[in-house]
Amino acid sequence: MKTKKETVLPQPQPFTPGITAGMVREHARRLYRDKLEHGTLTLEDWVMAEKDLVATMEAEEISPR
């Protein structure tokens, strides 16, 4: 059985204007609390955390700037 090996990278710079790496890091910490206890986040995890943060801010009508 083949398994997909996830690449673990340091946190990338956010691609959304007005969103900082610290904002994404805090949101990821809340989203992936259990996963962080056992290791680090993948690039896909970081991207999903940023997208979720932006969606949450838009839903709450908070401007990123």
C-alpha atoms as a PDB file:
ATOM      1  CA  MET A   1       0.000   0.000   0.000  1.00  0.00           C
ATOM      2  CA  LYS A   2       1.434   3.365  -1.024  1.00  0.00           C
ATOM      3  CA  THR A   3       1.056   6.382   1.187  1.00  0.00           C
ATOM      4  CA  LYS A   4       1.462  10.022   0.297  1.00  0.00           C
ATOM      5  CA  LYS A   5       4.340  11.622   2.147  1.00  0.00           C
ATOM      6  CA  GLU A   6       3.502  15.148   3.255  1.00  0.00           C
ATOM      7  CA  THR A   7       6.211  17.758   2.927  1.00  0.00           C
ATOM      8  CA  VAL A   8       6.779  19.730   6.104  1.00  0.00           C
ATOM      9  CA  LEU A   9       7.882  23.307   5.435  1.00  0.00           C
ATOM     10  CA  PRO A  10       8.270  26.439   7.522  1.00  0.00           C
ATOM     11  CA  GLN A  11       5.323  28.822   7.476  1.00  0.00           C
ATOM     12  CA  PRO A  12       5.031  30.489   4.058  1.00  0.00           C
ATOM     13  CA  GLN A  13       4.302  34.185   3.614  1.00  0.00           C
ATOM     14  CA  PRO A  14       0.563  34.894   3.331  1.00  0.00           C
ATOM     15  CA  PHE A  15      -0.741  35.508  -0.181  1.00  0.00           C
ATOM     16  CA  THR A  16      -3.760  37.604   0.908  1.00  0.00           C
ATOM     17  CA  PRO A  17      -3.088  41.361   1.121  1.00  0.00           C
ATOM     18  CA  GLY A  18      -3.551  42.706   4.650  1.00  0.00           C
ATOM     19  CA  ILE A  19      -3.086  39.317   6.323  1.00  0.00           C
ATOM     20  CA  THR A  20       0.087  38.842   8.354  1.00  0.00           C
ATOM     21  CA  ALA A  21       1.991  35.660   9.096  1.00  0.00           C
ATOM     22  CA  GLY A  22       1.201  36.139  12.794  1.00  0.00           C
ATOM     23  CA  MET A  23      -2.526  36.259  12.114  1.00  0.00           C
ATOM     24  CA  VAL A  24      -2.331  33.023  10.120  1.00  0.00           C
ATOM     25  CA  ARG A  25      -0.113  31.396  12.768  1.00  0.00           C
ATOM     26  CA  GLU A  26      -2.598  32.187  15.565  1.00  0.00           C
ATOM     27  CA  HIS A  27      -5.537  30.933  13.488  1.00  0.00           C
ATOM     28  CA  ALA A  28      -3.630  27.754  12.561  1.00  0.00           C
ATOM     29  CA  ARG A  29      -2.814  27.205  16.227  1.00  0.00           C
ATOM     30  CA  ARG A  30      -6.555  27.194  17.001  1.00  0.00           C
ATOM     31  CA  LEU A  31      -7.455  25.016  14.011  1.00  0.00           C
ATOM     32  CA  TYR A  32      -4.693  22.437  14.304  1.00  0.00           C
ATOM     33  CA  ARG A  33      -4.090  22.311  18.042  1.00  0.00           C
ATOM     34  CA  ASP A  34      -4.143  18.496  18.109  1.00  0.00           C
ATOM     35  CA  LYS A  35      -1.918  18.139  15.061  1.00  0.00           C
ATOM     36  CA  LEU A  36       0.660  20.572  16.443  1.00  0.00           C
ATOM     37  CA  GLU A  37       1.079  18.424  19.571  1.00  0.00           C
ATOM     38  CA  HIS A  38       2.366  15.599  17.352  1.00  0.00           C
ATOM     39  CA  GLY A  39       4.416  17.499  14.786  1.00  0.00           C
ATOM     40  CA  THR A  40       4.432  20.447  12.440  1.00  0.00           C
ATOM     41  CA  LEU A  41       2.064  21.704   9.753  1.00  0.00           C
ATOM     42  CA  THR A  42       2.359  21.036   6.040  1.00  0.00           C
ATOM     43  CA  LEU A  43       2.139  23.637   3.289  1.00  0.00           C
ATOM     44  CA  GLU A  44      -1.446  22.532   2.659  1.00  0.00           C
ATOM     45  CA  ASP A  45      -2.296  23.105   6.345  1.00  0.00           C
ATOM     46  CA  TRP A  46      -0.906  26.656   6.198  1.00  0.00           C
ATOM     47  CA  VAL A  47      -2.867  27.474   3.043  1.00  0.00           C
ATOM     48  CA  MET A  48      -6.083  26.052   4.505  1.00  0.00           C
ATOM     49  CA  ALA A  49      -5.574  28.038   7.721  1.00  0.00           C
ATOM     50  CA  GLU A  50      -5.134  31.273   5.754  1.00  0.00           C
ATOM     51  CA  LYS A  51      -8.194  30.603   3.591  1.00  0.00           C
ATOM     52  CA  ASP A  52     -10.258  29.785   6.677  1.00  0.00           C
ATOM     53  CA  LEU A  53      -9.053  32.948   8.422  1.00  0.00           C
ATOM     54  CA  VAL A  54     -10.031  35.108   5.443  1.00  0.00           C
ATOM     55  CA  ALA A  55     -13.437  33.406   5.176  1.00  0.00           C
ATOM     56  CA  THR A  56     -14.037  33.883   8.904  1.00  0.00           C
ATOM     57  CA  MET A  57     -13.084  37.555   8.712  1.00  0.00           C
ATOM     58  CA  GLU A  58     -15.372  38.072   5.712  1.00  0.00           C
ATOM     59  CA  ALA A  59     -18.237  36.292   7.474  1.00  0.00           C
ATOM     60  CA  GLU A  60     -17.774  38.531  10.506  1.00  0.00           C
ATOM     61  CA  GLU A  61     -17.358  41.538   8.177  1.00  0.00           C
ATOM     62  CA  ILE A  62     -13.940  42.402   9.571  1.00  0.00           C
ATOM     63  CA  SER A  63     -11.641  44.127   7.124  1.00  0.00           C
ATOM     64  CA  PRO A  64      -8.133  42.584   7.003  1.00  0.00           C
ATOM     65  CA  ARG A  65      -6.659  46.110   6.977  1.00  0.00           C
END
